[in-house]
C-alpha atoms as a PDB file:
ATOM      1  CA  MET A   1       0.027   0.130  -0.153  1.00  0.00           C
ATOM      2  CA  ILE A   2       1.150   3.524  -0.765  1.00  0.00           C
ATOM      3  CA  ASP A   3       1.075   5.537   2.420  1.00  0.00           C
ATOM      4  CA  HIS A   4       0.368   9.152   1.066  1.00  0.00           C
ATOM      5  CA  VAL A   5       0.743  10.689   4.792  1.00  0.00           C
ATOM      6  CA  ARG A   6       3.720   9.591   6.277  1.00  0.00           C
ATOM      7  CA  GLY A   7       3.521   7.054   9.387  1.00  0.00           C
ATOM      8  CA  GLY A   8       0.069   7.701  10.698  1.00  0.00           C
ATOM      9  CA  VAL A   9      -2.057   4.770  11.959  1.00  0.00           C
ATOM     10  CA  ALA A  10      -5.316   6.415  10.835  1.00  0.00           C
ATOM     11  CA  THR A  11      -3.545   6.370   7.334  1.00  0.00           C
ATOM     12  CA  LYS A  12      -2.843   2.738   7.549  1.00  0.00           C
ATOM     13  CA  GLU A  13      -6.559   2.153   8.919  1.00  0.00           C
ATOM     14  CA  ALA A  14      -8.028   4.192   6.090  1.00  0.00           C
ATOM     15  CA  ALA A  15      -6.177   2.207   3.667  1.00  0.00           C
ATOM     16  CA  LEU A  16      -7.167  -1.042   4.982  1.00  0.00           C
ATOM     17  CA  LEU A  17     -10.688  -0.022   5.262  1.00  0.00           C
ATOM     18  CA  GLU A  18     -10.593   1.340   1.836  1.00  0.00           C
ATOM     19  CA  MET A  19      -9.413  -2.128   0.423  1.00  0.00           C
ATOM     20  CA  GLY A  20     -12.442  -3.432   1.966  1.00  0.00           C
ATOM     21  CA  LEU A  21     -14.723  -1.131   0.482  1.00  0.00           C
ATOM     22  CA  TRP A  22     -13.326  -2.106  -2.861  1.00  0.00           C
ATOM     23  CA  VAL A  23     -13.888  -5.754  -2.376  1.00  0.00           C
ATOM     24  CA  ARG A  24     -17.415  -5.522  -1.013  1.00  0.00           C
ATOM     25  CA  ASP A  25     -18.128  -3.254  -4.334  1.00  0.00           C
ATOM     26  CA  GLY A  26     -17.127  -5.660  -6.772  1.00  0.00           C
ATOM     27  CA  ALA A  27     -13.234  -5.619  -7.196  1.00  0.00           C
ATOM     28  CA  THR A  28     -11.447  -9.293  -6.736  1.00  0.00           C
ATOM     29  CA  PRO A  29      -8.918  -9.057  -3.867  1.00  0.00           C
ATOM     30  CA  TRP A  30      -6.289  -9.192  -6.469  1.00  0.00           C
ATOM     31  CA  GLN A  31      -7.467  -6.195  -8.361  1.00  0.00           C
ATOM     32  CA  THR A  32      -7.328  -4.809  -4.973  1.00  0.00           C
ATOM     33  CA  LEU A  33      -3.855  -5.655  -3.914  1.00  0.00           C
ATOM     34  CA  LEU A  34      -2.831  -4.280  -7.512  1.00  0.00           C
ATOM     35  CA  ALA A  35      -4.639  -0.995  -7.111  1.00  0.00           C
ATOM     36  CA  ALA A  36      -3.132  -0.632  -3.489  1.00  0.00           C
ATOM     37  CA  THR A  37       0.510  -1.579  -4.630  1.00  0.00           C
ATOM     38  CA  ARG A  38       1.689  -1.490  -8.302  1.00  0.00           C
ATOM     39  CA  HIS A  39      -0.879   0.753  -9.688  1.00  0.00           C
ATOM     40  CA  GLY A  40      -1.102   3.292  -6.761  1.00  0.00           C
ATOM     41  CA  ALA A  41       2.795   3.620  -6.796  1.00  0.00           C
ATOM     42  CA  GLU A  42       2.344   4.252 -10.538  1.00  0.00           C
ATOM     43  CA  VAL A  43      -0.296   7.107 -10.050  1.00  0.00           C
ATOM     44  CA  CYS A  44       2.103   8.559  -7.723  1.00  0.00           C
ATOM     45  CA  GLY A  45       5.072   8.855  -9.977  1.00  0.00           C
ATOM     46  CA  VAL A  46       6.941   6.481  -7.965  1.00  0.00           C
ATOM     47  CA  GLY A  47       6.261   3.195  -9.894  1.00  0.00           C
ATOM     48  CA  ALA A  48      10.227   2.919 -10.453  1.00  0.00           C
ATOM     49  CA  GLU A  49      11.065   2.900  -6.844  1.00  0.00           C
ATOM     50  CA  LEU A  50       7.879   1.277  -4.979  1.00  0.00           C
ATOM     51  CA  GLY A  51       4.838  -0.786  -5.526  1.00  0.00           C
ATOM     52  CA  THR A  52       6.486  -4.265  -6.368  1.00  0.00           C
ATOM     53  CA  VAL A  53       8.980  -6.132  -5.134  1.00  0.00           C
ATOM     54  CA  GLU A  54      11.923  -6.212  -7.584  1.00  0.00           C
ATOM     55  CA  VAL A  55      15.898  -6.089  -7.282  1.00  0.00           C
ATOM     56  CA  GLY A  56      16.621  -2.168  -7.263  1.00  0.00           C
ATOM     57  CA  LYS A  57      13.283  -1.168  -5.840  1.00  0.00           C
ATOM     58  CA  LEU A  58      12.772  -0.246  -2.219  1.00  0.00           C
ATOM     59  CA  ALA A  59      11.940  -2.957   0.020  1.00  0.00           C
ATOM     60  CA  ASP A  60       8.942  -1.940   1.562  1.00  0.00           C
ATOM     61  CA  LEU A  61       6.743  -4.748   2.586  1.00  0.00           C
ATOM     62  CA  ILE A  62       4.299  -6.669   4.503  1.00  0.00           C
ATOM     63  CA  VAL A  63       4.095 -10.412   5.308  1.00  0.00           C
ATOM     64  CA  VAL A  64       0.571 -11.413   6.403  1.00  0.00           C
ATOM     65  CA  GLY A  65      -0.609 -14.322   8.582  1.00  0.00           C
ATOM     66  CA  ALA A  66      -2.982 -15.546   6.103  1.00  0.00           C
ATOM     67  CA  ASN A  67      -4.070 -15.458   2.211  1.00  0.00           C
ATOM     68  CA  PRO A  68      -5.542 -11.972   1.216  1.00  0.00           C
ATOM     69  CA  LEU A  69      -6.376 -13.491  -1.932  1.00  0.00           C
ATOM     70  CA  GLU A  70      -9.113 -15.817  -0.086  1.00  0.00           C
ATOM     71  CA  ASP A  71     -10.105 -12.878   2.459  1.00  0.00           C
ATOM     72  CA  ILE A  72      -8.862  -9.262   1.755  1.00  0.00           C
ATOM     73  CA  THR A  73      -9.284  -8.340   5.502  1.00  0.00           C
ATOM     74  CA  ASN A  74      -6.294 -11.036   6.015  1.00  0.00           C
ATOM     75  CA  VAL A  75      -3.975  -7.868   5.120  1.00  0.00           C
ATOM     76  CA  ARG A  76      -4.679  -6.852   8.639  1.00  0.00           C
ATOM     77  CA  ARG A  77      -2.804  -9.864  10.144  1.00  0.00           C
ATOM     78  CA  LEU A  78       0.411  -8.272  10.016  1.00  0.00           C
ATOM     79  CA  GLN A  79       3.381 -10.153  11.041  1.00  0.00           C
ATOM     80  CA  LEU A  80       6.195  -8.806   9.798  1.00  0.00           C
ATOM     81  CA  VAL A  81       6.746  -5.273   8.452  1.00  0.00           C
ATOM     82  CA  LEU A  82       9.833  -4.032   6.275  1.00  0.00           C
ATOM     83  CA  LYS A  83      10.729  -0.574   5.615  1.00  0.00           C
ATOM     84  CA  GLU A  84      13.580   0.137   3.249  1.00  0.00           C
ATOM     85  CA  GLY A  85      14.790  -3.450   3.663  1.00  0.00           C
ATOM     86  CA  ARG A  86      14.829  -3.215   7.258  1.00  0.00           C
ATOM     87  CA  VAL A  87      12.396  -5.391   9.714  1.00  0.00           C
ATOM     88  CA  VAL A  88      10.811  -2.560  11.884  1.00  0.00           C
ATOM     89  CA  SER A  89       8.008  -5.030  13.112  1.00  0.00           C
ATOM     90  CA  ASP A  90       8.061  -8.523  13.835  1.00  0.00           C
ATOM     91  CA  LYS A  91       4.912 -10.123  15.400  1.00  0.00           C
ATOM     92  CA  ARG A  92       5.720 -13.928  14.690  1.00  0.00           C
ATOM     93  CA  LEU A  93       6.543 -14.746  17.934  1.00  0.00           C
ATOM     94  CA  LEU A  94       3.309 -13.475  19.351  1.00  0.00           C
ATOM     95  CA  SER A  95       1.436 -15.633  16.788  1.00  0.00           C
ATOM     96  CA  GLY A  96       3.120 -18.900  17.188  1.00  0.00           C
ATOM     97  CA  ILE A  97       4.832 -18.710  13.789  1.00  0.00           C
ATOM     98  CA  PRO A  98       8.619 -19.629  13.988  1.00  0.00           C
ATOM     99  CA  ARG A  99      11.388 -17.723  12.905  1.00  0.00           C
ATOM    100  CA  PRO A 100      13.615 -19.394  10.186  1.00  0.00           C
ATOM    101  CA  GLU A 101      16.485 -19.438  12.438  1.00  0.00           C
ATOM    102  CA  GLU A 102      14.012 -21.528  15.004  1.00  0.00           C
ATOM    103  CA  VAL A 103      13.439 -24.243  12.612  1.00  0.00           C
ATOM    104  CA  SER A 104      15.683 -26.967  12.650  1.00  0.00           C
ATOM    105  CA  SER A 105      16.534 -28.915   9.453  1.00  0.00           C
END
């Protein structure tokens, strides 16, 4: 999601609410995710830096606890948040999901 008003909790909540409304009003979860990421970045003029996971782009992304393509509200189940390639929030221990270093081979 493109965060138009930097860092605000209200902004995140508004974006998540809007995604739910898109799906409620007929968009598929896939269309909604594209609109909130790739297409949002392109419209804002930052598609070369943000919006998709690619080499050379800023690594701003979230990892969620369930598939948002099955239920768009799963985008609210944040497990891991990366900003510019750095972990800024990690809730995996709280949810019982083991970290890679905790999984034995």
